[in-house]
Amino acid sequence: ASGAYMANQTIANLVHESNFNSVYQ
């Protein structure tokens, strides 16, 4: 879950978003 969250943060940076604060699967 930590890895998925951190991957989501990387995606946020790629789309010029400072933070995605949650992940839902």
PDB file of all heavy atoms in Angstrom:
ATOM      1  N   ALA A   1       0.839  -1.202   0.000  1.00  0.00           N
ATOM      2  CA  ALA A   1       0.000   0.000   0.000  1.00  0.00           C
ATOM      3  C   ALA A   1       0.873   1.251   0.000  1.00  0.00           C
ATOM      4  O   ALA A   1       0.578   2.223  -0.698  1.00  0.00           O
ATOM      5  CB  ALA A   1      -0.941  -0.002   1.205  1.00  0.00           C
ATOM      6  N   SER A   2       1.955   1.208   0.741  1.00  0.00           N
ATOM      7  CA  SER A   2       2.890   2.324   0.743  1.00  0.00           C
ATOM      8  C   SER A   2       3.493   2.517  -0.642  1.00  0.00           C
ATOM      9  O   SER A   2       3.588   3.644  -1.143  1.00  0.00           O
ATOM     10  CB  SER A   2       4.001   2.074   1.765  1.00  0.00           C
ATOM     11  OG  SER A   2       5.002   3.058   1.660  1.00  0.00           O
ATOM     12  N   GLY A   3       3.893   1.418  -1.278  1.00  0.00           N
ATOM     13  CA  GLY A   3       4.451   1.497  -2.627  1.00  0.00           C
ATOM     14  C   GLY A   3       3.456   2.050  -3.632  1.00  0.00           C
ATOM     15  O   GLY A   3       3.802   2.883  -4.478  1.00  0.00           O
ATOM     16  N   ALA A   4       2.188   1.616  -3.532  1.00  0.00           N
ATOM     17  CA  ALA A   4       1.151   2.112  -4.439  1.00  0.00           C
ATOM     18  C   ALA A   4       0.929   3.608  -4.230  1.00  0.00           C
ATOM     19  O   ALA A   4       0.772   4.366  -5.194  1.00  0.00           O
ATOM     20  CB  ALA A   4      -0.153   1.347  -4.220  1.00  0.00           C
ATOM     21  N   TYR A   5       0.937   4.024  -2.964  1.00  0.00           N
ATOM     22  CA  TYR A   5       0.756   5.441  -2.665  1.00  0.00           C
ATOM     23  C   TYR A   5       1.913   6.260  -3.237  1.00  0.00           C
ATOM     24  O   TYR A   5       1.711   7.303  -3.846  1.00  0.00           O
ATOM     25  CB  TYR A   5       0.623   5.659  -1.160  1.00  0.00           C
ATOM     26  CG  TYR A   5       0.482   7.114  -0.817  1.00  0.00           C
ATOM     27  CD1 TYR A   5      -0.765   7.736  -0.882  1.00  0.00           C
ATOM     28  CD2 TYR A   5       1.587   7.881  -0.476  1.00  0.00           C
ATOM     29  CE1 TYR A   5      -0.893   9.081  -0.595  1.00  0.00           C
ATOM     30  CE2 TYR A   5       1.463   9.230  -0.199  1.00  0.00           C
ATOM     31  CZ  TYR A   5       0.221   9.818  -0.251  1.00  0.00           C
ATOM     32  OH  TYR A   5       0.090  11.159   0.014  1.00  0.00           O
ATOM     33  N   MET A   6       3.126   5.785  -3.037  1.00  0.00           N
ATOM     34  CA  MET A   6       4.297   6.521  -3.534  1.00  0.00           C
ATOM     35  C   MET A   6       4.316   6.563  -5.066  1.00  0.00           C
ATOM     36  O   MET A   6       4.703   7.581  -5.653  1.00  0.00           O
ATOM     37  CB  MET A   6       5.589   5.907  -2.997  1.00  0.00           C
ATOM     38  CG  MET A   6       5.730   6.073  -1.502  1.00  0.00           C
ATOM     39  SD  MET A   6       5.571   7.822  -1.005  1.00  0.00           S
ATOM     40  CE  MET A   6       5.712   7.670   0.745  1.00  0.00           C
ATOM     41  N   ALA A   7       3.882   5.493  -5.716  1.00  0.00           N
ATOM     42  CA  ALA A   7       3.766   5.509  -7.179  1.00  0.00           C
ATOM     43  C   ALA A   7       2.735   6.550  -7.605  1.00  0.00           C
ATOM     44  O   ALA A   7       2.935   7.275  -8.584  1.00  0.00           O
ATOM     45  CB  ALA A   7       3.380   4.127  -7.700  1.00  0.00           C
ATOM     46  N   ASN A   8       1.658   6.647  -6.851  1.00  0.00           N
ATOM     47  CA  ASN A   8       0.622   7.636  -7.133  1.00  0.00           C
ATOM     48  C   ASN A   8       1.172   9.058  -6.991  1.00  0.00           C
ATOM     49  O   ASN A   8       0.823   9.948  -7.769  1.00  0.00           O
ATOM     50  CB  ASN A   8      -0.560   7.411  -6.179  1.00  0.00           C
ATOM     51  CG  ASN A   8      -1.838   7.988  -6.691  1.00  0.00           C
ATOM     52  OD1 ASN A   8      -2.134   7.931  -7.875  1.00  0.00           O
ATOM     53  ND2 ASN A   8      -2.620   8.542  -5.785  1.00  0.00           N
ATOM     54  N   GLN A   9       2.051   9.270  -6.010  1.00  0.00           N
ATOM     55  CA  GLN A   9       2.683  10.581  -5.844  1.00  0.00           C
ATOM     56  C   GLN A   9       3.553  10.920  -7.055  1.00  0.00           C
ATOM     57  O   GLN A   9       3.599  12.063  -7.493  1.00  0.00           O
ATOM     58  CB  GLN A   9       3.523  10.612  -4.570  1.00  0.00           C
ATOM     59  CG  GLN A   9       2.704  10.635  -3.313  1.00  0.00           C
ATOM     60  CD  GLN A   9       1.748  11.806  -3.287  1.00  0.00           C
ATOM     61  OE1 GLN A   9       0.561  11.663  -3.543  1.00  0.00           O
ATOM     62  NE2 GLN A   9       2.254  12.973  -3.003  1.00  0.00           N
ATOM     63  N   THR A  10       4.238   9.938  -7.597  1.00  0.00           N
ATOM     64  CA  THR A  10       5.064  10.156  -8.779  1.00  0.00           C
ATOM     65  C   THR A  10       4.196  10.536  -9.971  1.00  0.00           C
ATOM     66  O   THR A  10       4.529  11.445 -10.739  1.00  0.00           O
ATOM     67  CB  THR A  10       5.897   8.894  -9.092  1.00  0.00           C
ATOM     68  OG1 THR A  10       6.701   8.591  -7.943  1.00  0.00           O
ATOM     69  CG2 THR A  10       6.785   9.094 -10.299  1.00  0.00           C
ATOM     70  N   ILE A  11       3.062   9.874 -10.113  1.00  0.00           N
ATOM     71  CA  ILE A  11       2.122  10.222 -11.185  1.00  0.00           C
ATOM     72  C   ILE A  11       1.628  11.656 -10.993  1.00  0.00           C
ATOM     73  O   ILE A  11       1.521  12.422 -11.960  1.00  0.00           O
ATOM     74  CB  ILE A  11       0.947   9.229 -11.233  1.00  0.00           C
ATOM     75  CG1 ILE A  11       1.448   7.846 -11.676  1.00  0.00           C
ATOM     76  CG2 ILE A  11      -0.160   9.725 -12.163  1.00  0.00           C
ATOM     77  CD1 ILE A  11       0.421   6.734 -11.512  1.00  0.00           C
ATOM     78  N   ALA A  12       1.331  12.034  -9.759  1.00  0.00           N
ATOM     79  CA  ALA A  12       0.887  13.405  -9.485  1.00  0.00           C
ATOM     80  C   ALA A  12       1.921  14.412  -9.987  1.00  0.00           C
ATOM     81  O   ALA A  12       1.577  15.399 -10.643  1.00  0.00           O
ATOM     82  CB  ALA A  12       0.639  13.597  -7.986  1.00  0.00           C
ATOM     83  N   ASN A  13       3.182  14.145  -9.696  1.00  0.00           N
ATOM     84  CA  ASN A  13       4.241  15.046 -10.151  1.00  0.00           C
ATOM     85  C   ASN A  13       4.307  15.115 -11.673  1.00  0.00           C
ATOM     86  O   ASN A  13       4.550  16.178 -12.236  1.00  0.00           O
ATOM     87  CB  ASN A  13       5.594  14.612  -9.591  1.00  0.00           C
ATOM     88  CG  ASN A  13       5.681  14.825  -8.099  1.00  0.00           C
ATOM     89  OD1 ASN A  13       5.034  15.703  -7.535  1.00  0.00           O
ATOM     90  ND2 ASN A  13       6.475  14.002  -7.441  1.00  0.00           N
ATOM     91  N   LEU A  14       4.086  13.987 -12.344  1.00  0.00           N
ATOM     92  CA  LEU A  14       4.146  13.954 -13.807  1.00  0.00           C
ATOM     93  C   LEU A  14       3.041  14.767 -14.467  1.00  0.00           C
ATOM     94  O   LEU A  14       3.205  15.259 -15.579  1.00  0.00           O
ATOM     95  CB  LEU A  14       4.106  12.514 -14.312  1.00  0.00           C
ATOM     96  CG  LEU A  14       5.352  11.670 -14.012  1.00  0.00           C
ATOM     97  CD1 LEU A  14       5.107  10.214 -14.389  1.00  0.00           C
ATOM     98  CD2 LEU A  14       6.564  12.221 -14.744  1.00  0.00           C
ATOM     99  N   VAL A  15       1.910  14.900 -13.772  1.00  0.00           N
ATOM    100  CA  VAL A  15       0.805  15.690 -14.323  1.00  0.00           C
ATOM    101  C   VAL A  15       0.751  17.081 -13.676  1.00  0.00           C
ATOM    102  O   VAL A  15      -0.283  17.742 -13.693  1.00  0.00           O
ATOM    103  CB  VAL A  15      -0.558  14.962 -14.195  1.00  0.00           C
ATOM    104  CG1 VAL A  15      -0.554  13.674 -14.989  1.00  0.00           C
ATOM    105  CG2 VAL A  15      -0.922  14.707 -12.742  1.00  0.00           C
ATOM    106  N   HIS A  16       1.881  17.487 -13.095  1.00  0.00           N
ATOM    107  CA  HIS A  16       2.047  18.812 -12.504  1.00  0.00           C
ATOM    108  C   HIS A  16       1.071  19.083 -11.366  1.00  0.00           C
ATOM    109  O   HIS A  16       0.589  20.201 -11.195  1.00  0.00           O
ATOM    110  CB  HIS A  16       1.940  19.903 -13.577  1.00  0.00           C
ATOM    111  CG  HIS A  16       2.842  19.650 -14.733  1.00  0.00           C
ATOM    112  ND1 HIS A  16       4.220  19.724 -14.646  1.00  0.00           N
ATOM    113  CD2 HIS A  16       2.581  19.270 -16.009  1.00  0.00           C
ATOM    114  CE1 HIS A  16       4.749  19.426 -15.809  1.00  0.00           C
ATOM    115  NE2 HIS A  16       3.791  19.138 -16.657  1.00  0.00           N
ATOM    116  N   GLU A  17       0.804  18.048 -10.599  1.00  0.00           N
ATOM    117  CA  GLU A  17      -0.015  18.170  -9.388  1.00  0.00           C
ATOM    118  C   GLU A  17       0.930  18.010  -8.208  1.00  0.00           C
ATOM    119  O   GLU A  17       1.774  17.110  -8.205  1.00  0.00           O
ATOM    120  CB  GLU A  17      -1.086  17.076  -9.369  1.00  0.00           C
ATOM    121  CG  GLU A  17      -2.045  17.146  -8.210  1.00  0.00           C
ATOM    122  CD  GLU A  17      -2.911  18.395  -8.207  1.00  0.00           C
ATOM    123  OE1 GLU A  17      -3.445  18.765  -9.262  1.00  0.00           O
ATOM    124  OE2 GLU A  17      -3.033  19.002  -7.126  1.00  0.00           O
ATOM    125  N   SER A  18       0.810  18.865  -7.218  1.00  0.00           N
ATOM    126  CA  SER A  18       1.746  18.789  -6.098  1.00  0.00           C
ATOM    127  C   SER A  18       1.497  17.571  -5.220  1.00  0.00           C
ATOM    128  O   SER A  18       2.415  17.072  -4.581  1.00  0.00           O
ATOM    129  CB  SER A  18       1.674  20.066  -5.261  1.00  0.00           C
ATOM    130  OG  SER A  18       0.386  20.219  -4.708  1.00  0.00           O
ATOM    131  N   ASN A  19       0.255  17.089  -5.189  1.00  0.00           N
ATOM    132  CA  ASN A  19      -0.050  15.996  -4.271  1.00  0.00           C
ATOM    133  C   ASN A  19      -1.366  15.329  -4.633  1.00  0.00           C
ATOM    134  O   ASN A  19      -2.353  15.997  -4.873  1.00  0.00           O
ATOM    135  CB  ASN A  19      -0.126  16.552  -2.845  1.00  0.00           C
ATOM    136  CG  ASN A  19      -0.337  15.488  -1.804  1.00  0.00           C
ATOM    137  OD1 ASN A  19       0.004  14.329  -2.002  1.00  0.00           O
ATOM    138  ND2 ASN A  19      -0.894  15.890  -0.694  1.00  0.00           N
ATOM    139  N   PHE A  20      -1.363  14.018  -4.682  1.00  0.00           N
ATOM    140  CA  PHE A  20      -2.586  13.225  -4.647  1.00  0.00           C
ATOM    141  C   PHE A  20      -2.570  12.623  -3.243  1.00  0.00           C
ATOM    142  O   PHE A  20      -1.688  11.840  -2.928  1.00  0.00           O
ATOM    143  CB  PHE A  20      -2.570  12.091  -5.675  1.00  0.00           C
ATOM    144  CG  PHE A  20      -2.726  12.509  -7.111  1.00  0.00           C
ATOM    145  CD1 PHE A  20      -2.417  11.611  -8.127  1.00  0.00           C
ATOM    146  CD2 PHE A  20      -3.198  13.748  -7.476  1.00  0.00           C
ATOM    147  CE1 PHE A  20      -2.571  11.957  -9.462  1.00  0.00           C
ATOM    148  CE2 PHE A  20      -3.346  14.105  -8.809  1.00  0.00           C
ATOM    149  CZ  PHE A  20      -3.035  13.200  -9.799  1.00  0.00           C
ATOM    150  N   ASN A  21      -3.515  12.986  -2.401  1.00  0.00           N
ATOM    151  CA  ASN A  21      -3.417  12.556  -1.010  1.00  0.00           C
ATOM    152  C   ASN A  21      -4.080  11.223  -0.705  1.00  0.00           C
ATOM    153  O   ASN A  21      -4.076  10.773   0.423  1.00  0.00           O
ATOM    154  CB  ASN A  21      -3.944  13.637  -0.058  1.00  0.00           C
ATOM    155  CG  ASN A  21      -5.436  13.824  -0.174  1.00  0.00           C
ATOM    156  OD1 ASN A  21      -6.074  13.283  -1.062  1.00  0.00           O
ATOM    157  ND2 ASN A  21      -5.976  14.607   0.721  1.00  0.00           N
ATOM    158  N   SER A  22      -4.642  10.563  -1.736  1.00  0.00           N
ATOM    159  CA  SER A  22      -5.275   9.270  -1.477  1.00  0.00           C
ATOM    160  C   SER A  22      -5.236   8.388  -2.717  1.00  0.00           C
ATOM    161  O   SER A  22      -5.039   8.866  -3.831  1.00  0.00           O
ATOM    162  CB  SER A  22      -6.728   9.463  -1.024  1.00  0.00           C
ATOM    163  OG  SER A  22      -7.482  10.069  -2.048  1.00  0.00           O
ATOM    164  N   VAL A  23      -5.420   7.096  -2.453  1.00  0.00           N
ATOM    165  CA  VAL A  23      -5.495   6.089  -3.510  1.00  0.00           C
ATOM    166  C   VAL A  23      -6.692   5.210  -3.180  1.00  0.00           C
ATOM    167  O   VAL A  23      -6.881   4.802  -2.024  1.00  0.00           O
ATOM    168  CB  VAL A  23      -4.224   5.198  -3.537  1.00  0.00           C
ATOM    169  CG1 VAL A  23      -4.348   4.106  -4.578  1.00  0.00           C
ATOM    170  CG2 VAL A  23      -2.981   6.024  -3.773  1.00  0.00           C
ATOM    171  N   TYR A  24      -7.509   4.913  -4.180  1.00  0.00           N
ATOM    172  CA  TYR A  24      -8.640   4.015  -3.984  1.00  0.00           C
ATOM    173  C   TYR A  24      -8.543   2.904  -5.024  1.00  0.00           C
ATOM    174  O   TYR A  24      -8.381   3.183  -6.216  1.00  0.00           O
ATOM    175  CB  TYR A  24      -9.967   4.762  -4.137  1.00  0.00           C
ATOM    176  CG  TYR A  24     -11.179   3.875  -3.959  1.00  0.00           C
ATOM    177  CD1 TYR A  24     -11.520   3.390  -2.704  1.00  0.00           C
ATOM    178  CD2 TYR A  24     -11.963   3.518  -5.043  1.00  0.00           C
ATOM    179  CE1 TYR A  24     -12.626   2.572  -2.528  1.00  0.00           C
ATOM    180  CE2 TYR A  24     -13.073   2.706  -4.875  1.00  0.00           C
ATOM    181  CZ  TYR A  24     -13.401   2.231  -3.623  1.00  0.00           C
ATOM    182  OH  TYR A  24     -14.486   1.426  -3.452  1.00  0.00           O
ATOM    183  N   GLN A  25      -8.616   1.658  -4.556  1.00  0.00           N
ATOM    184  CA  GLN A  25      -8.562   0.513  -5.460  1.00  0.00           C
ATOM    185  C   GLN A  25      -9.795  -0.341  -5.197  1.00  0.00           C
ATOM    186  O   GLN A  25     -10.101  -0.656  -4.044  1.00  0.00           O
ATOM    187  CB  GLN A  25      -7.282  -0.281  -5.241  1.00  0.00           C
ATOM    188  CG  GLN A  25      -6.055   0.556  -5.551  1.00  0.00           C
ATOM    189  CD  GLN A  25      -4.769  -0.131  -5.174  1.00  0.00           C
ATOM    190  OE1 GLN A  25      -4.650  -0.706  -4.120  1.00  0.00           O
ATOM    191  NE2 GLN A  25      -3.798  -0.052  -6.075  1.00  0.00           N
TER     192      GLN A  25
END
